[in-house]
Each structure stands twice: as C-alpha cells, then as structure tokens.
N, C-alpha and C. Protein backbone atom coordinates (compact mmCIF):
# COMPACT_ATOMS: atom_id res chain seq x y z
N MET A 1 -54.35 139.03 26.36
CA MET A 1 -54.36 138.01 25.34
C MET A 1 -55.17 136.81 25.82
N ARG A 2 -56.06 136.35 24.99
CA ARG A 2 -56.94 135.25 25.33
C ARG A 2 -56.23 133.90 25.12
N PRO A 3 -56.40 132.95 26.07
CA PRO A 3 -55.74 131.66 25.90
C PRO A 3 -56.33 130.90 24.72
N LYS A 4 -55.51 130.05 24.13
CA LYS A 4 -55.96 129.25 23.00
C LYS A 4 -57.00 128.24 23.45
N THR A 5 -57.81 127.80 22.51
CA THR A 5 -58.86 126.83 22.82
C THR A 5 -58.26 125.55 23.39
N SER A 6 -57.14 125.09 22.85
CA SER A 6 -56.54 123.86 23.34
C SER A 6 -56.08 124.01 24.79
N GLN A 7 -55.62 125.19 25.17
CA GLN A 7 -55.22 125.41 26.55
C GLN A 7 -56.42 125.39 27.48
N ILE A 8 -57.53 125.94 27.02
CA ILE A 8 -58.76 125.94 27.82
C ILE A 8 -59.24 124.51 28.02
N VAL A 9 -59.22 123.72 26.96
CA VAL A 9 -59.66 122.32 27.04
C VAL A 9 -58.73 121.52 27.94
N GLN A 10 -57.42 121.73 27.82
CA GLN A 10 -56.46 121.02 28.66
C GLN A 10 -56.66 121.37 30.13
N LYS A 11 -56.90 122.63 30.42
CA LYS A 11 -57.13 123.05 31.81
C LYS A 11 -58.41 122.41 32.35
N ALA A 12 -59.46 122.38 31.54
CA ALA A 12 -60.73 121.78 31.96
C ALA A 12 -60.55 120.29 32.21
N LEU A 13 -59.84 119.60 31.33
CA LEU A 13 -59.62 118.16 31.50
C LEU A 13 -58.78 117.87 32.73
N LEU A 14 -57.79 118.72 32.99
CA LEU A 14 -56.96 118.53 34.17
C LEU A 14 -57.79 118.71 35.44
N GLU A 15 -58.59 119.75 35.50
CA GLU A 15 -59.43 119.98 36.68
C GLU A 15 -60.45 118.86 36.85
N MET A 16 -61.06 118.44 35.76
CA MET A 16 -62.04 117.35 35.84
C MET A 16 -61.37 116.04 36.25
N GLY A 17 -60.18 115.80 35.74
CA GLY A 17 -59.44 114.59 36.12
C GLY A 17 -59.13 114.56 37.60
N PHE A 18 -58.77 115.71 38.15
CA PHE A 18 -58.49 115.78 39.58
C PHE A 18 -59.75 115.52 40.40
N ILE A 19 -60.87 116.07 39.98
CA ILE A 19 -62.13 115.85 40.68
C ILE A 19 -62.53 114.38 40.60
N ILE A 20 -62.34 113.75 39.44
CA ILE A 20 -62.65 112.32 39.28
C ILE A 20 -61.74 111.49 40.18
N PHE A 21 -60.45 111.85 40.26
CA PHE A 21 -59.52 111.16 41.14
C PHE A 21 -60.01 111.24 42.60
N LEU A 22 -60.41 112.42 43.03
CA LEU A 22 -60.91 112.56 44.40
C LEU A 22 -62.18 111.75 44.63
N PHE A 23 -63.05 111.70 43.64
CA PHE A 23 -64.29 110.92 43.74
C PHE A 23 -63.97 109.44 43.95
N TYR A 24 -63.09 108.89 43.11
CA TYR A 24 -62.76 107.47 43.22
C TYR A 24 -61.95 107.18 44.49
N SER A 25 -61.12 108.11 44.92
CA SER A 25 -60.39 107.94 46.18
C SER A 25 -61.36 107.85 47.34
N ASN A 26 -62.37 108.70 47.32
CA ASN A 26 -63.37 108.69 48.37
C ASN A 26 -64.15 107.38 48.36
N LEU A 27 -64.50 106.88 47.18
CA LEU A 27 -65.19 105.59 47.11
C LEU A 27 -64.32 104.46 47.65
N MET A 28 -63.03 104.49 47.31
CA MET A 28 -62.12 103.44 47.79
C MET A 28 -62.01 103.46 49.31
N MET A 29 -61.91 104.66 49.89
CA MET A 29 -61.84 104.75 51.35
C MET A 29 -63.14 104.24 51.97
N GLY A 30 -64.25 104.50 51.32
CA GLY A 30 -65.53 104.03 51.83
C GLY A 30 -65.67 102.52 51.82
N GLN A 31 -64.94 101.84 50.95
CA GLN A 31 -65.00 100.38 50.90
C GLN A 31 -64.44 99.76 52.17
N TYR A 32 -63.59 100.46 52.88
CA TYR A 32 -62.94 99.89 54.07
C TYR A 32 -63.38 100.57 55.35
N ASN A 33 -64.49 101.28 55.31
CA ASN A 33 -65.08 101.87 56.52
C ASN A 33 -66.19 100.97 57.02
N PHE A 34 -66.70 101.27 58.20
CA PHE A 34 -67.84 100.57 58.79
C PHE A 34 -67.59 99.08 58.93
N GLY A 35 -66.43 98.72 59.46
CA GLY A 35 -66.16 97.33 59.78
C GLY A 35 -65.51 96.52 58.68
N HIS A 36 -65.44 97.04 57.47
CA HIS A 36 -64.75 96.32 56.42
C HIS A 36 -63.25 96.54 56.58
N SER A 37 -62.48 95.58 56.21
CA SER A 37 -61.03 95.74 56.30
C SER A 37 -60.37 95.00 55.15
N PHE A 38 -59.08 95.18 55.02
CA PHE A 38 -58.33 94.48 53.99
C PHE A 38 -58.35 92.97 54.25
N ALA A 39 -58.53 92.58 55.51
CA ALA A 39 -58.53 91.15 55.85
C ALA A 39 -59.78 90.46 55.32
N THR A 40 -60.91 91.17 55.28
CA THR A 40 -62.16 90.54 54.84
C THR A 40 -62.50 90.86 53.39
N ARG A 41 -61.88 91.86 52.82
CA ARG A 41 -62.21 92.25 51.45
C ARG A 41 -60.92 92.53 50.70
N SER A 42 -60.75 91.89 49.56
CA SER A 42 -59.53 92.09 48.79
C SER A 42 -59.59 93.41 48.03
N LEU A 43 -58.43 93.90 47.67
CA LEU A 43 -58.35 95.15 46.90
C LEU A 43 -59.02 94.99 45.55
N LEU A 44 -58.83 93.84 44.91
CA LEU A 44 -59.44 93.60 43.60
C LEU A 44 -60.97 93.60 43.69
N GLU A 45 -61.49 93.00 44.73
CA GLU A 45 -62.94 92.99 44.93
C GLU A 45 -63.47 94.41 45.16
N ALA A 46 -62.76 95.19 45.94
CA ALA A 46 -63.17 96.57 46.19
C ALA A 46 -63.13 97.38 44.90
N MET A 47 -62.11 97.18 44.08
CA MET A 47 -62.01 97.91 42.82
C MET A 47 -63.13 97.50 41.86
N ARG A 48 -63.49 96.22 41.87
CA ARG A 48 -64.61 95.77 41.03
C ARG A 48 -65.92 96.44 41.45
N ASN A 49 -66.09 96.66 42.74
CA ASN A 49 -67.30 97.34 43.23
C ASN A 49 -67.31 98.82 42.90
N ILE A 50 -66.13 99.42 42.78
CA ILE A 50 -66.02 100.86 42.58
C ILE A 50 -66.09 101.25 41.11
N PHE A 51 -65.33 100.57 40.26
CA PHE A 51 -65.22 100.96 38.86
C PHE A 51 -66.37 100.39 38.04
N THR A 52 -67.53 101.04 38.16
CA THR A 52 -68.71 100.64 37.41
C THR A 52 -69.11 101.78 36.48
N LEU A 53 -69.95 101.48 35.52
CA LEU A 53 -70.41 102.51 34.59
C LEU A 53 -71.21 103.59 35.33
N ASP A 54 -72.03 103.18 36.27
CA ASP A 54 -72.81 104.16 37.04
C ASP A 54 -71.90 105.14 37.78
N ASN A 55 -70.89 104.61 38.46
CA ASN A 55 -69.97 105.49 39.18
C ASN A 55 -69.19 106.39 38.23
N PHE A 56 -68.82 105.87 37.06
CA PHE A 56 -68.09 106.69 36.10
C PHE A 56 -68.95 107.85 35.60
N VAL A 57 -70.21 107.58 35.30
CA VAL A 57 -71.11 108.65 34.84
C VAL A 57 -71.28 109.70 35.93
N ILE A 58 -71.47 109.25 37.16
CA ILE A 58 -71.61 110.18 38.28
C ILE A 58 -70.34 111.02 38.43
N ALA A 59 -69.18 110.39 38.31
CA ALA A 59 -67.91 111.10 38.46
C ALA A 59 -67.73 112.15 37.37
N VAL A 60 -68.06 111.82 36.13
CA VAL A 60 -67.88 112.77 35.03
C VAL A 60 -68.85 113.94 35.16
N VAL A 61 -70.10 113.66 35.51
CA VAL A 61 -71.09 114.73 35.68
C VAL A 61 -70.68 115.64 36.85
N ALA A 62 -70.27 115.04 37.96
CA ALA A 62 -69.85 115.83 39.11
C ALA A 62 -68.60 116.65 38.78
N ALA A 63 -67.68 116.07 38.02
CA ALA A 63 -66.47 116.79 37.63
C ALA A 63 -66.80 117.96 36.72
N PHE A 64 -67.73 117.77 35.80
CA PHE A 64 -68.11 118.87 34.91
C PHE A 64 -68.76 120.01 35.71
N ILE A 65 -69.67 119.65 36.61
CA ILE A 65 -70.31 120.67 37.44
C ILE A 65 -69.28 121.38 38.30
N GLY A 66 -68.37 120.61 38.90
CA GLY A 66 -67.32 121.19 39.73
C GLY A 66 -66.44 122.13 38.93
N HIS A 67 -66.08 121.74 37.72
CA HIS A 67 -65.25 122.60 36.87
C HIS A 67 -65.96 123.91 36.56
N VAL A 68 -67.23 123.83 36.20
CA VAL A 68 -67.99 125.04 35.86
C VAL A 68 -68.09 125.96 37.08
N VAL A 69 -68.37 125.40 38.24
CA VAL A 69 -68.50 126.21 39.46
C VAL A 69 -67.17 126.87 39.80
N PHE A 70 -66.09 126.08 39.81
CA PHE A 70 -64.78 126.65 40.15
C PHE A 70 -64.33 127.68 39.12
N ASP A 71 -64.65 127.47 37.87
CA ASP A 71 -64.28 128.43 36.84
C ASP A 71 -65.01 129.75 37.04
N GLN A 72 -66.29 129.68 37.41
CA GLN A 72 -67.05 130.90 37.67
C GLN A 72 -66.51 131.64 38.90
N VAL A 73 -66.17 130.89 39.95
CA VAL A 73 -65.61 131.50 41.15
C VAL A 73 -64.27 132.15 40.82
N ARG A 74 -63.45 131.47 40.05
CA ARG A 74 -62.14 132.00 39.67
C ARG A 74 -62.27 133.30 38.89
N LYS A 75 -63.27 133.38 38.01
CA LYS A 75 -63.47 134.60 37.21
C LYS A 75 -63.92 135.77 38.08
N ARG A 76 -64.66 135.49 39.16
CA ARG A 76 -65.13 136.56 40.03
C ARG A 76 -64.08 137.07 40.97
N LEU A 77 -63.04 136.27 41.21
CA LEU A 77 -61.99 136.72 42.14
C LEU A 77 -61.12 137.66 41.45
C-alpha cells in the first residue's frame, strides 16, 4: 500500500527540518570558535549574525538536496 501524499510531505518536512536544525546548530557553534567566547560576544548578537535570509536560503536548499539524497539511498536499501 502506497503512503498518502500528506504522509510523504510530512516526512519530507520533518527530514528537512532536522537538516535545517543541524545547519543552524553548526553555525551557532562556529560563532564561538576561533577565539570568540560568550564573554566577548552575546548570544543575541550571535543569533543576529546567524539568522539571515542568505543563511535561510542556503539551509532550505541544502535540506532539500539532503532529503532527496537520503530518500534515494533509503529506496536502494
């Protein structure tokens, strides 16, 4: 039995959301590497640097590509 379209969309959104979460987590960790610390940079300032339109577009495109790749790998297993 084939899954419903809404289930397919929900699964894709969940996988893409997880990839976007990992992308932003990685950016946040990068804000405090290479000599930066919480003492010299506030969390709000770091979030302002991270949550930009450019980063959001990159995250969504990367999440879509990641979803397609993982879906193809899953089908081959």
